[in-house]
């Protein structure tokens, strides 16, 4: 009879993102972050070739709003400092719509973990801007 033990080790977590060897990761806004106009947001990161990642972020409102935007940040993990460092950022804003998305393909160095986090914004009239965030896990580009 062979004893089998389940692997109960969890991947390392750094600033809300697990370091994984997955090919992609998607992050969603927390459910409790919904607003009067803001419905949700998401961001994602996907390996696309040996030294390239595809990054994406989107914001969705419940209805057409005055302005809706997404800012997407791309981070690289530094093992020595045990911290994420921003290596790129891009954004998109549209007016009189309920959805916005932005994406970018980025060339990266091999041997590092990368993640995406995004800020999501909705503005309607004179009301305060509604804002939330989403974050992916880190994926290794071997």
Protein backbone atom coordinates (compact mmCIF):
# COMPACT_ATOMS: atom_id res chain seq x y z
CA UNK A 1 0.00 0.00 0.00
CA UNK A 2 1.32 3.43 -0.95
CA UNK A 3 0.76 6.52 1.14
CA UNK A 4 -0.20 9.50 -0.99
CA UNK A 5 -0.01 12.98 0.48
CA UNK A 6 -1.73 15.91 -1.19
CA UNK A 7 0.48 18.88 -1.95
CA UNK A 8 -0.83 21.49 0.46
CA UNK A 9 1.78 24.12 -0.38
CA UNK A 10 0.26 27.37 -1.58
CA UNK A 11 1.97 29.60 -4.09
CA UNK A 12 3.73 32.65 -2.68
CA UNK A 13 1.56 35.76 -2.41
CA UNK A 14 3.06 39.24 -2.92
CA UNK A 15 0.85 42.32 -2.53
CA UNK A 16 -2.37 40.46 -3.38
CA UNK A 17 -1.02 38.41 -6.29
CA UNK A 18 0.08 34.77 -6.21
CA UNK A 19 3.24 33.84 -8.14
CA UNK A 20 2.13 31.11 -10.56
CA UNK A 21 3.39 29.26 -13.61
CA UNK A 22 -0.01 29.57 -15.33
CA UNK A 23 -0.20 30.77 -18.93
CA UNK A 24 -2.71 33.49 -18.05
CA UNK A 25 -4.52 35.16 -15.18
CA UNK A 26 -7.64 37.32 -14.92
CA UNK A 27 -8.57 39.65 -12.09
CA UNK A 28 -12.03 40.99 -11.29
CA UNK A 29 -13.30 43.87 -9.20
CA UNK A 30 -14.59 42.91 -5.74
CA UNK A 31 -18.39 42.36 -5.74
CA UNK A 32 -18.93 44.86 -2.93
CA UNK A 33 -17.24 47.57 -5.04
CA UNK A 34 -20.27 48.11 -7.28
CA UNK A 35 -21.52 51.65 -7.44
CA UNK A 36 -24.62 53.49 -8.53
CA UNK A 37 -23.31 53.53 -12.11
CA UNK A 38 -20.19 51.31 -12.06
CA UNK A 39 -20.95 47.64 -12.65
CA UNK A 40 -17.55 45.94 -12.78
CA UNK A 41 -14.07 45.81 -14.19
CA UNK A 42 -11.51 43.21 -15.08
CA UNK A 43 -7.92 42.87 -16.21
CA UNK A 44 -5.89 40.02 -17.63
CA UNK A 45 -2.41 38.94 -18.59
CA UNK A 46 -1.52 36.14 -21.02
CA UNK A 47 1.77 34.70 -22.25
CA UNK A 48 2.00 35.17 -26.01
CA UNK A 49 5.29 33.80 -27.23
CA UNK A 50 8.69 33.45 -25.58
CA UNK A 51 9.26 37.10 -24.64
CA UNK A 52 5.83 38.67 -24.99
CA UNK A 53 2.73 39.18 -22.86
CA UNK A 54 -0.73 40.36 -23.81
CA UNK A 55 -2.32 42.72 -21.27
CA UNK A 56 -5.92 43.90 -21.07
CA UNK A 57 -8.28 45.92 -18.91
CA UNK A 58 -11.98 46.82 -19.19
CA UNK A 59 -14.61 48.77 -17.26
CA UNK A 60 -18.38 48.26 -17.53
CA UNK A 61 -21.14 50.58 -16.28
CA UNK A 62 -24.79 49.67 -15.60
CA UNK A 63 -25.92 52.13 -18.30
CA UNK A 64 -24.54 54.86 -20.56
CA UNK A 65 -22.51 57.33 -18.47
CA UNK A 66 -20.84 60.68 -19.15
CA UNK A 67 -17.34 59.16 -19.03
CA UNK A 68 -15.86 55.73 -18.40
CA UNK A 69 -12.18 54.83 -18.20
CA UNK A 70 -9.63 52.14 -17.44
CA UNK A 71 -5.96 52.52 -16.51
CA UNK A 72 -3.88 49.35 -16.90
CA UNK A 73 -0.57 48.92 -15.06
CA UNK A 74 1.96 46.20 -15.88
CA UNK A 75 4.27 45.08 -13.07
CA UNK A 76 7.41 42.93 -12.93
CA UNK A 77 8.28 41.04 -9.74
CA UNK A 78 11.74 41.65 -8.25
CA UNK A 79 12.68 38.62 -6.17
CA UNK A 80 15.55 40.40 -4.41
CA UNK A 81 13.28 43.17 -3.04
CA UNK A 82 10.18 40.92 -2.87
CA UNK A 83 8.18 43.69 -4.56
CA UNK A 84 6.34 44.49 -7.77
CA UNK A 85 7.69 47.32 -9.93
CA UNK A 86 5.69 49.05 -12.66
CA UNK A 87 7.19 48.60 -16.12
CA UNK A 88 4.36 49.98 -18.26
CA UNK A 89 0.96 51.65 -18.07
CA UNK A 90 -1.70 52.65 -20.58
CA UNK A 91 -5.26 53.93 -20.42
CA UNK A 92 -8.41 54.59 -22.38
CA UNK A 93 -11.36 56.90 -21.71
CA UNK A 94 -14.59 57.18 -23.66
CA UNK A 95 -17.59 59.47 -23.24
CA UNK A 96 -21.31 58.68 -23.50
CA UNK A 97 -20.86 54.92 -23.40
CA UNK A 98 -21.19 52.03 -20.92
CA UNK A 99 -18.02 50.06 -21.76
CA UNK A 100 -14.34 50.72 -22.36
CA UNK A 101 -11.45 48.33 -22.98
CA UNK A 102 -7.73 48.74 -23.62
CA UNK A 103 -5.08 46.17 -24.49
CA UNK A 104 -1.41 46.06 -25.34
CA UNK A 105 1.14 43.45 -26.35
CA UNK A 106 4.44 44.02 -24.52
CA UNK A 107 7.90 42.54 -25.03
CA UNK A 108 9.37 41.42 -21.67
CA UNK A 109 12.48 39.81 -20.24
CA UNK A 110 12.37 36.07 -19.57
CA UNK A 111 12.74 34.60 -16.10
CA UNK A 112 10.42 37.02 -14.29
CA UNK A 113 6.87 37.08 -12.99
CA UNK A 114 4.51 39.69 -14.46
CA UNK A 115 1.07 40.85 -13.37
CA UNK A 116 -1.53 43.42 -14.40
CA UNK A 117 -3.63 45.63 -12.17
CA UNK A 118 -6.20 48.14 -13.32
CA UNK A 119 -8.14 51.11 -12.02
CA UNK A 120 -11.72 51.48 -13.22
CA UNK A 121 -13.59 54.82 -13.28
CA UNK A 122 -17.11 56.02 -14.08
CA UNK A 123 -18.31 59.65 -14.07
CA UNK A 124 -21.95 60.70 -14.24
CA UNK A 125 -23.05 64.33 -13.97
CA UNK A 126 -21.90 66.23 -10.90
CA UNK A 127 -21.75 63.09 -8.74
CA UNK A 128 -18.40 61.92 -7.33
CA UNK A 129 -16.40 59.69 -9.67
CA UNK A 130 -16.93 56.01 -8.89
CA UNK A 131 -13.69 54.06 -8.77
CA UNK A 132 -12.59 50.47 -8.15
CA UNK A 133 -9.69 48.16 -9.05
CA UNK A 134 -8.80 44.66 -10.21
CA UNK A 135 -5.56 42.67 -10.07
CA UNK A 136 -4.26 39.43 -11.63
CA UNK A 137 -1.90 36.84 -10.22
CA UNK A 138 1.69 36.89 -11.37
CA UNK A 139 2.61 34.61 -14.27
CA UNK A 140 6.13 33.39 -14.96
CA UNK A 141 7.64 34.09 -18.37
CA UNK A 142 10.30 31.33 -18.48
